[in-house]
PDB file of N, CA and C in Angstrom:
ATOM      1  N   MET A   1      60.273 113.053 126.327  1.00  0.00           N
ATOM      2  CA  MET A   1      59.510 112.876 124.845  1.00  0.00           C
ATOM      3  C   MET A   1      59.831 113.519 123.448  1.00  0.00           C
ATOM      4  N   SER A   2      60.785 114.872 124.034  1.00  0.00           N
ATOM      5  CA  SER A   2      61.326 115.210 123.047  1.00  0.00           C
ATOM      6  C   SER A   2      62.207 114.171 122.508  1.00  0.00           C
ATOM      7  N   SER A   3      63.054 113.560 123.175  1.00  0.00           N
ATOM      8  CA  SER A   3      64.345 112.667 122.561  1.00  0.00           C
ATOM      9  C   SER A   3      63.634 111.743 121.928  1.00  0.00           C
ATOM     10  N   PHE A   4      62.267 110.789 121.892  1.00  0.00           N
ATOM     11  CA  PHE A   4      61.748 110.629 120.740  1.00  0.00           C
ATOM     12  C   PHE A   4      61.496 110.764 119.833  1.00  0.00           C
ATOM     13  N   PHE A   5      61.290 112.134 119.435  1.00  0.00           N
ATOM     14  CA  PHE A   5      60.905 112.883 118.558  1.00  0.00           C
ATOM     15  C   PHE A   5      62.293 112.714 117.327  1.00  0.00           C
ATOM     16  N   ILE A   6      63.321 112.700 118.152  1.00  0.00           N
ATOM     17  CA  ILE A   6      64.473 113.098 117.314  1.00  0.00           C
ATOM     18  C   ILE A   6      65.089 111.553 117.373  1.00  0.00           C
ATOM     19  N   ALA A   7      65.107 110.344 118.149  1.00  0.00           N
ATOM     20  CA  ALA A   7      65.750 109.079 117.848  1.00  0.00           C
ATOM     21  C   ALA A   7      64.930 108.363 117.233  1.00  0.00           C
ATOM     22  N   LEU A   8      63.637 108.512 117.243  1.00  0.00           N
ATOM     23  CA  LEU A   8      62.740 107.778 116.200  1.00  0.00           C
ATOM     24  C   LEU A   8      63.276 107.667 114.576  1.00  0.00           C
ATOM     25  N   PRO A   9      62.924 109.487 114.115  1.00  0.00           N
ATOM     26  CA  PRO A   9      64.077 109.501 112.509  1.00  0.00           C
ATOM     27  C   PRO A   9      65.514 109.015 112.610  1.00  0.00           C
ATOM     28  N   LEU A  10      65.715 109.358 113.324  1.00  0.00           N
ATOM     29  CA  LEU A  10      67.127 108.872 113.259  1.00  0.00           C
ATOM     30  C   LEU A  10      67.585 107.492 113.197  1.00  0.00           C
ATOM     31  N   LEU A  11      66.862 106.540 114.049  1.00  0.00           N
ATOM     32  CA  LEU A  11      66.647 104.951 113.894  1.00  0.00           C
ATOM     33  C   LEU A  11      66.355 104.782 112.570  1.00  0.00           C
ATOM     34  N   ALA A  12      65.337 105.456 111.796  1.00  0.00           N
ATOM     35  CA  ALA A  12      64.623 105.151 110.928  1.00  0.00           C
ATOM     36  C   ALA A  12      65.537 105.370 109.850  1.00  0.00           C
ATOM     37  N   PHE A  13      66.369 106.235 110.025  1.00  0.00           N
ATOM     38  CA  PHE A  13      67.265 106.380 108.942  1.00  0.00           C
ATOM     39  C   PHE A  13      68.214 105.687 108.893  1.00  0.00           C
ATOM     40  N   CYS A  14      68.768 105.310 110.061  1.00  0.00           N
ATOM     41  CA  CYS A  14      70.053 104.148 110.430  1.00  0.00           C
ATOM     42  C   CYS A  14      69.410 102.759 109.776  1.00  0.00           C
ATOM     43  N   ILE A  15      68.688 102.627 109.913  1.00  0.00           N
ATOM     44  CA  ILE A  15      68.183 101.466 109.383  1.00  0.00           C
ATOM     45  C   ILE A  15      67.514 101.160 108.232  1.00  0.00           C
ATOM     46  N   PHE A  16      67.082 101.791 107.623  1.00  0.00           N
ATOM     47  CA  PHE A  16      66.590 101.735 106.160  1.00  0.00           C
ATOM     48  C   PHE A  16      67.330 102.860 105.120  1.00  0.00           C
ATOM     49  N   VAL A  17      67.190 103.881 105.134  1.00  0.00           N
ATOM     50  CA  VAL A  17      67.649 104.626 104.332  1.00  0.00           C
ATOM     51  C   VAL A  17      69.259 104.709 104.341  1.00  0.00           C
ATOM     52  N   ALA A  18      69.888 104.479 105.385  1.00  0.00           N
ATOM     53  CA  ALA A  18      71.186 104.693 105.104  1.00  0.00           C
ATOM     54  C   ALA A  18      72.094 103.512 104.448  1.00  0.00           C
ATOM     55  N   PRO A  19      71.470 102.267 104.897  1.00  0.00           N
ATOM     56  CA  PRO A  19      72.052 101.203 104.115  1.00  0.00           C
ATOM     57  C   PRO A  19      71.791 100.808 102.523  1.00  0.00           C
ATOM     58  N   LEU A  20      70.430 101.577 102.321  1.00  0.00           N
ATOM     59  CA  LEU A  20      70.311 101.672 101.065  1.00  0.00           C
ATOM     60  C   LEU A  20      71.106 102.628 100.139  1.00  0.00           C
ATOM     61  N   TRP A  21      71.092 103.719 100.675  1.00  0.00           N
ATOM     62  CA  TRP A  21      71.714 104.721 100.185  1.00  0.00           C
ATOM     63  C   TRP A  21      73.316 104.086  99.895  1.00  0.00           C
ATOM     64  N   LEU A  22      73.848 103.743 100.823  1.00  0.00           N
ATOM     65  CA  LEU A  22      75.361 103.116 100.592  1.00  0.00           C
ATOM     66  C   LEU A  22      75.277 102.005  99.472  1.00  0.00           C
ATOM     67  N   TRP A  23      74.477 101.363  99.361  1.00  0.00           N
ATOM     68  CA  TRP A  23      74.416 100.199  98.539  1.00  0.00           C
ATOM     69  C   TRP A  23      74.085 100.665  97.001  1.00  0.00           C
ATOM     70  N   LEU A  24      73.432 101.639  96.650  1.00  0.00           N
ATOM     71  CA  LEU A  24      73.038 102.409  95.451  1.00  0.00           C
ATOM     72  C   LEU A  24      74.358 103.303  95.138  1.00  0.00           C
ATOM     73  N   HIS A  25      74.800 103.743  95.963  1.00  0.00           N
ATOM     74  CA  HIS A  25      76.443 104.644  95.733  1.00  0.00           C
ATOM     75  C   HIS A  25      77.602 103.574  95.316  1.00  0.00           C
ATOM     76  N   TYR A  26      77.768 102.951  96.189  1.00  0.00           N
ATOM     77  CA  TYR A  26      78.710 101.968  96.093  1.00  0.00           C
ATOM     78  C   TYR A  26      78.509 100.711  94.434  1.00  0.00           C
ATOM     79  N   ARG A  27      77.025 100.407  93.924  1.00  0.00           N
ATOM     80  CA  ARG A  27      76.830  99.692  92.892  1.00  0.00           C
ATOM     81  C   ARG A  27      77.362 100.794  91.908  1.00  0.00           C
ATOM     82  N   SER A  28      76.737 102.333  92.168  1.00  0.00           N
ATOM     83  CA  SER A  28      76.779 103.252  90.380  1.00  0.00           C
ATOM     84  C   SER A  28      78.232 103.482  90.563  1.00  0.00           C
ATOM     85  N   LYS A  29      78.961 103.529  91.802  1.00  0.00           N
ATOM     86  CA  LYS A  29      80.732 103.556  91.357  1.00  0.00           C
ATOM     87  C   LYS A  29      80.975 102.220  90.827  1.00  0.00           C
ATOM     88  N   LYS A  30      80.754 100.885  91.257  1.00  0.00           N
ATOM     89  CA  LYS A  30      81.024  99.503  90.118  1.00  0.00           C
ATOM     90  C   LYS A  30      80.932  99.895  89.032  1.00  0.00           C
ATOM     91  N   ASN A  31      79.820 100.252  88.532  1.00  0.00           N
ATOM     92  CA  ASN A  31      79.430 100.390  87.050  1.00  0.00           C
ATOM     93  C   ASN A  31      79.897 101.509  86.446  1.00  0.00           C
ATOM     94  N   THR A  32      80.434 102.488  87.010  1.00  0.00           N
ATOM     95  CA  THR A  32      81.062 103.548  86.327  1.00  0.00           C
ATOM     96  C   THR A  32      82.697 103.480  86.263  1.00  0.00           C
ATOM     97  N   SER A  33      82.942 102.690  86.732  1.00  0.00           N
ATOM     98  CA  SER A  33      84.668 102.662  86.666  1.00  0.00           C
ATOM     99  C   SER A  33      84.834 100.971  86.087  1.00  0.00           C
ATOM    100  N   GLY A  34      84.092 100.509  85.515  1.00  0.00           N
ATOM    101  CA  GLY A  34      84.284  99.091  85.106  1.00  0.00           C
ATOM    102  C   GLY A  34      84.896  99.489  83.307  1.00  0.00           C
ATOM    103  N   SER A  35      84.707 100.203  82.772  1.00  0.00           N
ATOM    104  CA  SER A  35      84.955 100.558  81.391  1.00  0.00           C
ATOM    105  C   SER A  35      85.634 101.644  81.334  1.00  0.00           C
ATOM    106  N   LEU A  36      86.341 102.239  80.039  1.00  0.00           N
ATOM    107  CA  LEU A  36      86.803 103.493  79.698  1.00  0.00           C
ATOM    108  C   LEU A  36      85.657 104.286  78.583  1.00  0.00           C
ATOM    109  N   SER A  37      86.104 105.535  79.191  1.00  0.00           N
ATOM    110  CA  SER A  37      85.038 106.383  78.319  1.00  0.00           C
ATOM    111  C   SER A  37      85.473 106.465  76.979  1.00  0.00           C
ATOM    112  N   GLN A  38      84.856 106.845  75.889  1.00  0.00           N
ATOM    113  CA  GLN A  38      85.052 107.145  74.967  1.00  0.00           C
ATOM    114  C   GLN A  38      86.358 108.007  74.314  1.00  0.00           C
ATOM    115  N   GLU A  39      86.629 109.075  75.226  1.00  0.00           N
ATOM    116  CA  GLU A  39      87.719 110.397  75.439  1.00  0.00           C
ATOM    117  C   GLU A  39      88.853 109.245  75.638  1.00  0.00           C
ATOM    118  N   ASP A  40      88.865 108.298  76.925  1.00  0.00           N
ATOM    119  CA  ASP A  40      89.919 107.735  77.352  1.00  0.00           C
ATOM    120  C   ASP A  40      90.527 106.647  76.086  1.00  0.00           C
ATOM    121  N   HIS A  41      89.337 106.175  75.504  1.00  0.00           N
ATOM    122  CA  HIS A  41      89.840 105.155  74.550  1.00  0.00           C
ATOM    123  C   HIS A  41      90.677 106.044  73.705  1.00  0.00           C
ATOM    124  N   GLN A  42      90.138 106.824  73.021  1.00  0.00           N
ATOM    125  CA  GLN A  42      90.712 107.605  71.969  1.00  0.00           C
ATOM    126  C   GLN A  42      92.009 107.741  72.533  1.00  0.00           C
ATOM    127  N   ARG A  43      92.341 108.570  73.793  1.00  0.00           N
ATOM    128  CA  ARG A  43      93.434 108.688  74.072  1.00  0.00           C
ATOM    129  C   ARG A  43      94.871 107.750  74.249  1.00  0.00           C
ATOM    130  N   LEU A  44      94.422 106.547  74.782  1.00  0.00           N
ATOM    131  CA  LEU A  44      95.425 105.298  74.424  1.00  0.00           C
ATOM    132  C   LEU A  44      95.042 104.880  73.034  1.00  0.00           C
ATOM    133  N   GLN A  45      94.480 105.236  72.188  1.00  0.00           N
ATOM    134  CA  GLN A  45      94.716 104.698  71.036  1.00  0.00           C
ATOM    135  C   GLN A  45      95.837 105.671  70.355  1.00  0.00           C
ATOM    136  N   VAL A  46      95.529 106.840  70.494  1.00  0.00           N
ATOM    137  CA  VAL A  46      96.924 107.658  69.989  1.00  0.00           C
ATOM    138  C   VAL A  46      98.295 107.601  70.882  1.00  0.00           C
ATOM    139  N   LEU A  47      98.388 107.214  72.041  1.00  0.00           N
ATOM    140  CA  LEU A  47      99.390 106.959  72.916  1.00  0.00           C
ATOM    141  C   LEU A  47      99.953 105.639  72.000  1.00  0.00           C
ATOM    142  N   SER A  48      98.968 104.581  72.043  1.00  0.00           N
ATOM    143  CA  SER A  48      99.511 103.352  71.342  1.00  0.00           C
ATOM    144  C   SER A  48     100.317 103.342  69.687  1.00  0.00           C
ATOM    145  N   ASN A  49      99.464 104.246  69.280  1.00  0.00           N
ATOM    146  CA  ASN A  49     100.538 104.547  67.905  1.00  0.00           C
ATOM    147  C   ASN A  49     101.654 105.311  67.874  1.00  0.00           C
ATOM    148  N   LYS A  50     101.734 105.926  68.968  1.00  0.00           N
ATOM    149  CA  LYS A  50     102.998 107.080  69.036  1.00  0.00           C
ATOM    150  C   LYS A  50     104.382 106.183  69.665  1.00  0.00           C
ATOM    151  N   ALA A  51     103.674 105.215  70.339  1.00  0.00           N
ATOM    152  CA  ALA A  51     104.494 104.184  71.209  1.00  0.00           C
ATOM    153  C   ALA A  51     105.157 103.072  69.792  1.00  0.00           C
ATOM    154  N   GLU A  52     104.269 102.814  68.848  1.00  0.00           N
ATOM    155  CA  GLU A  52     104.553 101.859  67.955  1.00  0.00           C
ATOM    156  C   GLU A  52     105.710 102.919  66.977  1.00  0.00           C
ATOM    157  N   THR A  53     105.337 104.163  66.877  1.00  0.00           N
ATOM    158  CA  THR A  53     105.809 105.032  65.974  1.00  0.00           C
ATOM    159  C   THR A  53     107.801 104.961  66.326  1.00  0.00           C
ATOM    160  N   MET A  54     107.739 105.248  67.982  1.00  0.00           N
ATOM    161  CA  MET A  54     108.936 105.575  68.478  1.00  0.00           C
ATOM    162  C   MET A  54     109.561 103.919  68.704  1.00  0.00           C
ATOM    163  N   HIS A  55     109.041 103.000  68.763  1.00  0.00           N
ATOM    164  CA  HIS A  55     109.387 101.625  68.636  1.00  0.00           C
ATOM    165  C   HIS A  55     110.325 101.398  67.137  1.00  0.00           C
ATOM    166  N   THR A  56     109.661 101.846  66.248  1.00  0.00           N
ATOM    167  CA  THR A  56     110.349 101.606  64.651  1.00  0.00           C
ATOM    168  C   THR A  56     111.214 102.516  64.853  1.00  0.00           C
ATOM    169  N   ARG A  57     111.546 103.266  65.240  1.00  0.00           N
ATOM    170  CA  ARG A  57     112.571 104.553  65.436  1.00  0.00           C
ATOM    171  C   ARG A  57     113.899 103.926  65.818  1.00  0.00           C
ATOM    172  N   VAL A  58     113.179 103.729  67.034  1.00  0.00           N
ATOM    173  CA  VAL A  58     114.287 102.735  67.749  1.00  0.00           C
ATOM    174  C   VAL A  58     115.038 101.805  67.224  1.00  0.00           C
ATOM    175  N   GLU A  59     114.071 100.788  67.013  1.00  0.00           N
ATOM    176  CA  GLU A  59     114.917  99.675  65.825  1.00  0.00           C
ATOM    177  C   GLU A  59     115.456 100.545  64.399  1.00  0.00           C
ATOM    178  N   THR A  60     115.120 101.275  63.851  1.00  0.00           N
ATOM    179  CA  THR A  60     116.050 101.955  62.835  1.00  0.00           C
ATOM    180  C   THR A  60     117.271 102.374  63.176  1.00  0.00           C
ATOM    181  N   LEU A  61     117.250 102.907  64.275  1.00  0.00           N
ATOM    182  CA  LEU A  61     118.457 103.867  64.961  1.00  0.00           C
ATOM    183  C   LEU A  61     119.580 102.353  65.337  1.00  0.00           C
ATOM    184  N   GLU A  62     118.941 101.496  66.246  1.00  0.00           N
ATOM    185  CA  GLU A  62     120.009 100.576  66.372  1.00  0.00           C
ATOM    186  C   GLU A  62     120.250  99.811  64.981  1.00  0.00           C
ATOM    187  N   ARG A  63     119.656  99.350  63.942  1.00  0.00           N
ATOM    188  CA  ARG A  63     120.204  98.728  62.789  1.00  0.00           C
ATOM    189  C   ARG A  63     121.276 100.010  62.158  1.00  0.00           C
ATOM    190  N   ILE A  64     121.237 101.136  62.151  1.00  0.00           N
ATOM    191  CA  ILE A  64     121.877 102.312  61.649  1.00  0.00           C
ATOM    192  C   ILE A  64     123.344 102.177  62.499  1.00  0.00           C
ATOM    193  N   LEU A  65     123.335 102.094  64.073  1.00  0.00           N
ATOM    194  CA  LEU A  65     124.445 101.802  64.804  1.00  0.00           C
ATOM    195  C   LEU A  65     125.340 100.334  64.429  1.00  0.00           C
ATOM    196  N   ASP A  66     124.556  99.666  64.362  1.00  0.00           N
ATOM    197  CA  ASP A  66     124.890  98.287  64.443  1.00  0.00           C
ATOM    198  C   ASP A  66     126.246  98.323  62.930  1.00  0.00           C
ATOM    199  N   ALA A  67     125.264  99.136  62.252  1.00  0.00           N
ATOM    200  CA  ALA A  67     126.520  99.002  60.840  1.00  0.00           C
ATOM    201  C   ALA A  67     127.391  99.817  60.771  1.00  0.00           C
ATOM    202  N   GLU A  68     127.169 100.881  61.614  1.00  0.00           N
ATOM    203  CA  GLU A  68     128.652 101.974  61.703  1.00  0.00           C
ATOM    204  C   GLU A  68     129.349 101.639  62.936  1.00  0.00           C
ATOM    205  N   ALA A  69     128.617 101.262  63.844  1.00  0.00           N
ATOM    206  CA  ALA A  69     129.847 101.038  64.805  1.00  0.00           C
ATOM    207  C   ALA A  69     129.159  99.822  65.567  1.00  0.00           C
ATOM    208  N   PRO A  70     129.933  98.583  64.918  1.00  0.00           N
ATOM    209  CA  PRO A  70     129.312  97.655  65.863  1.00  0.00           C
ATOM    210  C   PRO A  70     129.636  97.096  67.079  1.00  0.00           C
ATOM    211  N   ASN A  71     130.392  97.703  67.923  1.00  0.00           N
ATOM    212  CA  ASN A  71     130.374  97.186  69.498  1.00  0.00           C
ATOM    213  C   ASN A  71     129.539  98.416  70.406  1.00  0.00           C
ATOM    214  N   TRP A  72     129.010  98.858  69.811  1.00  0.00           N
ATOM    215  CA  TRP A  72     128.019 100.117  70.450  1.00  0.00           C
ATOM    216  C   TRP A  72     127.573  99.615  71.558  1.00  0.00           C
ATOM    217  N   ARG A  73     126.736  98.378  71.438  1.00  0.00           N
ATOM    218  CA  ARG A  73     125.949  97.856  72.652  1.00  0.00           C
ATOM    219  C   ARG A  73     126.925  97.149  74.115  1.00  0.00           C
ATOM    220  N   ARG A  74     128.321  97.223  73.847  1.00  0.00           N
ATOM    221  CA  ARG A  74     128.608  96.918  74.853  1.00  0.00           C
ATOM    222  C   ARG A  74     129.200  97.771  75.823  1.00  0.00           C
ATOM    223  N   ARG A  75     129.065  98.897  75.228  1.00  0.00           N
ATOM    224  CA  ARG A  75     129.630 100.250  76.244  1.00  0.00           C
ATOM    225  C   ARG A  75     128.789 100.593  76.901  1.00  0.00           C
ATOM    226  N   TYR A  76     127.301 100.269  76.560  1.00  0.00           N
ATOM    227  CA  TYR A  76     125.780 100.912  76.994  1.00  0.00           C
ATOM    228  C   TYR A  76     124.897  99.668  77.899  1.00  0.00           C
ATOM    229  N   GLU A  77     125.825  98.466  77.808  1.00  0.00           N
ATOM    230  CA  GLU A  77     124.984  97.300  78.503  1.00  0.00           C
ATOM    231  C   GLU A  77     125.348  97.209  80.081  1.00  0.00           C
TER     232      GLU A  77
END
């Protein structure tokens, strides 16, 4: 008789509560992971600006090296 009092709530939990709990958990995970937060978007923008600046600097340095030492690329390829 005492096992019935334990088995019935456990069975109800496994049939009704656990699937609903898992479904709600993974639905909320999918909704939160779908987009960037505002802070992440700002960091990405800052990194993108820094990358563009570095690209411009590298192009400038390559033009200077091309003018002063035309064969520098062959040594480093």
